[in-house]
N, C-alpha and C. Protein backbone atom coordinates (compact mmCIF):
# COMPACT_ATOMS: atom_id res chain seq x y z
N MET A 1 200.64 271.82 160.37
CA MET A 1 199.52 272.57 159.83
C MET A 1 198.55 272.89 160.95
N LYS A 2 198.15 274.11 161.01
CA LYS A 2 197.20 274.54 162.01
C LYS A 2 195.79 274.29 161.51
N LYS A 3 194.96 273.70 162.35
CA LYS A 3 193.59 273.38 161.94
C LYS A 3 192.72 274.63 161.81
N ASN A 4 193.12 275.74 162.42
CA ASN A 4 192.30 276.94 162.37
C ASN A 4 192.65 277.86 161.19
N GLU A 5 193.59 277.45 160.35
CA GLU A 5 193.91 278.25 159.18
C GLU A 5 192.71 278.26 158.24
N SER A 6 192.45 279.40 157.65
CA SER A 6 191.30 279.50 156.75
C SER A 6 191.63 278.88 155.40
N PRO A 7 190.64 278.27 154.76
CA PRO A 7 190.86 277.68 153.44
C PRO A 7 191.22 278.75 152.41
N LYS A 8 192.10 278.38 151.50
CA LYS A 8 192.55 279.27 150.43
C LYS A 8 192.46 278.51 149.12
N LEU A 9 192.51 279.26 148.03
CA LEU A 9 192.48 278.65 146.71
C LEU A 9 193.91 278.48 146.20
N TYR A 10 194.21 277.28 145.73
CA TYR A 10 195.53 276.97 145.18
C TYR A 10 195.37 276.46 143.76
N TYR A 11 196.35 276.76 142.93
CA TYR A 11 196.42 276.22 141.58
C TYR A 11 197.46 275.11 141.60
N VAL A 12 197.05 273.89 141.26
CA VAL A 12 197.95 272.74 141.31
C VAL A 12 198.14 272.21 139.90
N SER A 13 199.42 272.00 139.53
CA SER A 13 199.74 271.49 138.21
C SER A 13 200.92 270.53 138.31
N ILE A 14 201.19 269.84 137.22
CA ILE A 14 202.36 268.98 137.13
C ILE A 14 203.54 269.85 136.72
N VAL A 15 204.71 269.59 137.30
CA VAL A 15 205.89 270.39 136.99
C VAL A 15 206.09 270.49 135.48
N ASP A 16 206.44 271.68 135.00
CA ASP A 16 206.67 271.98 133.59
C ASP A 16 205.43 271.82 132.71
N ASP A 17 204.24 271.86 133.31
CA ASP A 17 203.00 271.78 132.55
C ASP A 17 202.17 273.02 132.89
N ASP A 18 201.57 273.64 131.89
CA ASP A 18 200.80 274.86 132.16
C ASP A 18 199.32 274.58 132.43
N CYS A 19 198.91 273.33 132.39
CA CYS A 19 197.52 272.97 132.69
C CYS A 19 197.43 272.46 134.12
N GLY A 20 196.39 272.90 134.82
CA GLY A 20 196.20 272.45 136.18
C GLY A 20 194.78 272.71 136.63
N LEU A 21 194.53 272.51 137.91
CA LEU A 21 193.20 272.68 138.49
C LEU A 21 193.29 273.47 139.78
N GLY A 22 192.18 274.02 140.19
CA GLY A 22 192.11 274.72 141.46
C GLY A 22 191.68 273.77 142.56
N VAL A 23 192.18 274.00 143.76
CA VAL A 23 191.79 273.18 144.91
C VAL A 23 191.74 274.07 146.15
N VAL A 24 190.77 273.79 147.01
CA VAL A 24 190.63 274.54 148.26
C VAL A 24 191.37 273.77 149.35
N ALA A 25 192.34 274.43 149.96
CA ALA A 25 193.16 273.81 151.00
C ALA A 25 193.65 274.88 151.96
N ARG A 26 194.29 274.43 153.05
CA ARG A 26 194.85 275.37 154.03
C ARG A 26 196.30 275.72 153.73
N THR A 27 197.04 274.77 153.14
CA THR A 27 198.47 274.98 152.87
C THR A 27 198.82 274.42 151.49
N VAL A 28 199.99 274.77 151.01
CA VAL A 28 200.49 274.24 149.73
C VAL A 28 200.58 272.72 149.80
N GLY A 29 201.14 272.19 150.88
CA GLY A 29 201.28 270.74 151.03
C GLY A 29 199.94 270.04 151.02
N GLU A 30 198.96 270.62 151.69
CA GLU A 30 197.63 270.02 151.72
C GLU A 30 197.00 270.06 150.32
N ALA A 31 197.21 271.14 149.58
CA ALA A 31 196.68 271.24 148.22
C ALA A 31 197.26 270.15 147.33
N ARG A 32 198.57 269.94 147.43
CA ARG A 32 199.22 268.88 146.65
C ARG A 32 198.69 267.51 147.05
N ALA A 33 198.52 267.29 148.35
CA ALA A 33 198.04 265.99 148.84
C ALA A 33 196.61 265.71 148.36
N ILE A 34 195.76 266.71 148.42
CA ILE A 34 194.36 266.55 147.96
C ILE A 34 194.35 266.18 146.48
N MET A 35 195.12 266.90 145.69
CA MET A 35 195.13 266.65 144.24
C MET A 35 195.75 265.29 143.93
N HIS A 36 196.80 264.91 144.64
CA HIS A 36 197.43 263.60 144.41
C HIS A 36 196.46 262.47 144.72
N LYS A 37 195.75 262.60 145.83
CA LYS A 37 194.80 261.57 146.24
C LYS A 37 193.64 261.48 145.24
N ALA A 38 193.19 262.62 144.73
CA ALA A 38 192.08 262.64 143.78
C ALA A 38 192.47 262.04 142.43
N GLY A 39 193.72 262.22 142.04
CA GLY A 39 194.20 261.68 140.77
C GLY A 39 193.71 262.43 139.55
N ASP A 40 193.17 263.62 139.71
CA ASP A 40 192.61 264.37 138.59
C ASP A 40 193.65 264.85 137.57
N LEU A 41 194.91 264.94 137.98
CA LEU A 41 195.94 265.43 137.06
C LEU A 41 196.73 264.30 136.41
N MET A 42 196.34 263.06 136.67
CA MET A 42 196.97 261.90 136.04
C MET A 42 198.48 261.85 136.29
N GLU A 43 198.90 262.15 137.49
CA GLU A 43 200.31 262.11 137.84
C GLU A 43 200.50 261.14 139.00
N ASP A 44 201.39 260.18 138.82
CA ASP A 44 201.63 259.19 139.86
C ASP A 44 202.55 259.70 140.96
N SER A 45 203.39 260.65 140.65
CA SER A 45 204.39 261.11 141.61
C SER A 45 203.97 262.39 142.32
N PHE A 46 203.87 262.33 143.63
CA PHE A 46 203.55 263.49 144.45
C PHE A 46 204.61 264.58 144.27
N ILE A 47 205.85 264.16 144.05
CA ILE A 47 206.98 265.09 143.91
C ILE A 47 206.80 266.00 142.70
N ASP A 48 206.13 265.50 141.66
CA ASP A 48 205.97 266.28 140.43
C ASP A 48 204.81 267.26 140.46
N LEU A 49 204.06 267.31 141.55
CA LEU A 49 202.95 268.26 141.65
C LEU A 49 203.44 269.57 142.24
N ARG A 50 203.02 270.67 141.65
CA ARG A 50 203.35 272.01 142.14
C ARG A 50 202.05 272.72 142.50
N ALA A 51 202.08 273.47 143.59
CA ALA A 51 200.90 274.23 144.02
C ALA A 51 201.30 275.68 144.25
N ARG A 52 200.41 276.58 143.85
CA ARG A 52 200.64 278.02 144.01
C ARG A 52 199.39 278.64 144.61
N TRP A 53 199.58 279.41 145.66
CA TRP A 53 198.46 280.09 146.31
C TRP A 53 197.94 281.20 145.42
N ILE A 54 196.64 281.25 145.22
CA ILE A 54 195.99 282.33 144.46
C ILE A 54 195.54 283.36 145.48
N ARG A 55 196.32 284.40 145.64
CA ARG A 55 196.09 285.40 146.69
C ARG A 55 194.67 285.97 146.71
N ASP A 56 194.14 286.31 145.56
CA ASP A 56 192.80 286.90 145.49
C ASP A 56 191.74 285.88 145.08
N GLY A 57 192.04 284.60 145.24
CA GLY A 57 191.10 283.55 144.86
C GLY A 57 189.85 283.57 145.74
N ASP A 58 188.73 283.32 145.11
CA ASP A 58 187.43 283.35 145.80
C ASP A 58 187.02 281.93 146.17
N VAL A 59 186.98 281.63 147.47
CA VAL A 59 186.58 280.30 147.94
C VAL A 59 185.16 280.30 148.51
N SER A 60 184.43 281.38 148.33
CA SER A 60 183.08 281.44 148.89
C SER A 60 182.21 280.32 148.31
N GLY A 61 181.47 279.66 149.18
CA GLY A 61 180.60 278.57 148.78
C GLY A 61 181.31 277.24 148.57
N LEU A 62 182.61 277.21 148.74
CA LEU A 62 183.38 275.98 148.58
C LEU A 62 183.81 275.46 149.95
N LYS A 63 184.07 274.16 150.01
CA LYS A 63 184.56 273.58 151.27
C LYS A 63 185.96 273.01 151.07
N LEU A 64 186.63 272.79 152.14
CA LEU A 64 187.98 272.24 152.12
C LEU A 64 188.01 270.96 151.30
N GLY A 65 188.93 270.88 150.37
CA GLY A 65 189.07 269.69 149.52
C GLY A 65 188.35 269.78 148.19
N ASP A 66 187.53 270.81 147.98
CA ASP A 66 186.85 270.96 146.69
C ASP A 66 187.87 271.23 145.58
N ILE A 67 187.64 270.61 144.44
CA ILE A 67 188.51 270.79 143.28
C ILE A 67 187.71 271.49 142.19
N ILE A 68 188.30 272.55 141.64
CA ILE A 68 187.63 273.34 140.59
C ILE A 68 188.07 272.81 139.24
N THR A 69 187.12 272.20 138.54
CA THR A 69 187.39 271.66 137.21
C THR A 69 186.68 272.44 136.12
N ASP A 70 185.64 273.17 136.48
CA ASP A 70 184.88 273.94 135.50
C ASP A 70 185.64 275.20 135.09
N SER A 71 185.82 275.38 133.80
CA SER A 71 186.61 276.50 133.27
C SER A 71 186.03 277.85 133.66
N ILE A 72 184.73 278.03 133.49
CA ILE A 72 184.10 279.33 133.77
C ILE A 72 184.17 279.63 135.27
N ASP A 73 183.88 278.62 136.10
CA ASP A 73 183.96 278.82 137.55
C ASP A 73 185.39 279.15 137.96
N GLY A 74 186.37 278.49 137.36
CA GLY A 74 187.77 278.77 137.65
C GLY A 74 188.18 280.18 137.27
N LEU A 75 187.69 280.66 136.13
CA LEU A 75 187.96 282.05 135.72
C LEU A 75 187.30 283.02 136.68
N ARG A 76 186.05 282.75 137.02
CA ARG A 76 185.29 283.64 137.90
C ARG A 76 185.95 283.76 139.28
N ARG A 77 186.48 282.65 139.78
CA ARG A 77 187.09 282.63 141.11
C ARG A 77 188.54 283.11 141.11
N GLY A 78 189.11 283.35 139.93
CA GLY A 78 190.48 283.85 139.85
C GLY A 78 191.52 282.76 139.82
N CYS A 79 191.11 281.53 139.65
CA CYS A 79 192.03 280.41 139.64
C CYS A 79 192.78 280.28 138.32
N PHE A 80 192.08 280.51 137.22
CA PHE A 80 192.68 280.41 135.89
C PHE A 80 192.81 281.80 135.28
N SER A 81 193.88 282.02 134.54
CA SER A 81 194.02 283.30 133.84
C SER A 81 193.39 283.21 132.45
N TYR A 82 193.24 282.01 131.94
CA TYR A 82 192.55 281.77 130.67
C TYR A 82 192.06 280.33 130.68
N ALA A 83 191.14 280.02 129.81
CA ALA A 83 190.64 278.65 129.69
C ALA A 83 190.08 278.45 128.30
N GLU A 84 190.25 277.26 127.77
CA GLU A 84 189.64 276.94 126.48
C GLU A 84 188.29 276.30 126.75
N ALA A 85 187.24 276.97 126.32
CA ALA A 85 185.87 276.52 126.59
C ALA A 85 184.91 277.24 125.66
N THR A 86 183.63 276.96 125.84
CA THR A 86 182.58 277.63 125.07
C THR A 86 182.31 279.01 125.66
N CYS A 87 182.35 280.02 124.83
CA CYS A 87 182.12 281.40 125.27
C CYS A 87 180.68 281.56 125.73
N PRO A 88 180.46 282.09 126.94
CA PRO A 88 179.09 282.30 127.40
C PRO A 88 178.39 283.46 126.70
N VAL A 89 179.12 284.26 125.96
CA VAL A 89 178.53 285.40 125.26
C VAL A 89 178.08 285.01 123.85
N CYS A 90 179.00 284.46 123.05
CA CYS A 90 178.69 284.16 121.65
C CYS A 90 178.46 282.68 121.35
N GLY A 91 178.88 281.81 122.25
CA GLY A 91 178.70 280.38 122.05
C GLY A 91 179.82 279.71 121.26
N GLY A 92 180.79 280.48 120.82
CA GLY A 92 181.92 279.91 120.09
C GLY A 92 182.91 279.26 121.06
N VAL A 93 183.70 278.32 120.54
CA VAL A 93 184.71 277.66 121.37
C VAL A 93 186.04 278.34 121.13
N GLY A 94 186.72 278.69 122.20
CA GLY A 94 188.02 279.34 122.08
C GLY A 94 188.58 279.68 123.44
N MET A 95 189.60 280.52 123.44
CA MET A 95 190.24 280.94 124.68
C MET A 95 189.37 281.98 125.37
N LEU A 96 189.01 281.69 126.61
CA LEU A 96 188.22 282.62 127.40
C LEU A 96 189.11 283.36 128.38
N HIS A 97 188.74 284.59 128.68
CA HIS A 97 189.44 285.42 129.64
C HIS A 97 188.41 286.11 130.52
N LYS A 98 188.89 286.73 131.58
CA LYS A 98 188.02 287.50 132.46
C LYS A 98 188.46 288.95 132.42
N ALA A 99 187.50 289.83 132.20
CA ALA A 99 187.75 291.27 132.22
C ALA A 99 186.75 291.88 133.19
N ASP A 100 187.24 292.40 134.28
CA ASP A 100 186.39 292.88 135.36
C ASP A 100 185.51 291.72 135.81
N ASP A 101 184.21 291.80 135.67
CA ASP A 101 183.33 290.70 136.06
C ASP A 101 182.75 289.97 134.85
N LYS A 102 183.27 290.25 133.67
CA LYS A 102 182.75 289.65 132.45
C LYS A 102 183.71 288.57 131.95
N ILE A 103 183.15 287.43 131.55
CA ILE A 103 183.95 286.33 131.01
C ILE A 103 183.51 286.11 129.57
N GLY A 104 184.49 286.01 128.67
CA GLY A 104 184.18 285.79 127.27
C GLY A 104 185.42 285.50 126.47
N CYS A 105 185.21 285.26 125.18
CA CYS A 105 186.34 285.01 124.29
C CYS A 105 187.00 286.35 123.92
N GLU A 106 188.12 286.26 123.25
CA GLU A 106 188.87 287.46 122.89
C GLU A 106 188.04 288.38 122.00
N THR A 107 187.24 287.81 121.11
CA THR A 107 186.40 288.62 120.21
C THR A 107 185.33 289.37 121.00
N CYS A 108 184.66 288.70 121.91
CA CYS A 108 183.57 289.32 122.68
C CYS A 108 184.08 290.36 123.67
N LEU A 109 185.24 290.12 124.26
CA LEU A 109 185.78 291.07 125.24
C LEU A 109 186.51 292.23 124.59
N GLY A 110 186.95 292.03 123.34
CA GLY A 110 187.66 293.10 122.65
C GLY A 110 188.95 293.46 123.36
N ASP A 111 189.21 294.73 123.54
CA ASP A 111 190.45 295.20 124.18
C ASP A 111 190.33 295.30 125.69
N SER A 112 189.21 294.84 126.28
CA SER A 112 188.98 295.06 127.71
C SER A 112 189.75 294.10 128.62
N TYR A 113 190.30 293.02 128.08
CA TYR A 113 191.04 292.09 128.95
C TYR A 113 192.47 292.33 128.87
């Protein structure tokens, strides 16, 4: 691993599981190692962790090793494609999505997502 590589956003999950978290790292291996050490995904085996680079992920304001656990922040940064949380528009709990720069539930976003 080169120390001068710029930090990138990775989505790390357990194999065959669609739930995961975002992590700022330089490489896929480093992303898996950070998440394994943190223990946030409740997985004992490093082998069962999968990491995927989020090409357009926004790491501004984050530092190497930061883990994104907040649903809205994860949507805003491009880490999550959807999240179950409280809608910032209507206050209802449900599946949130991002449409352009707006985050909301399916009802609030309508056909825009």
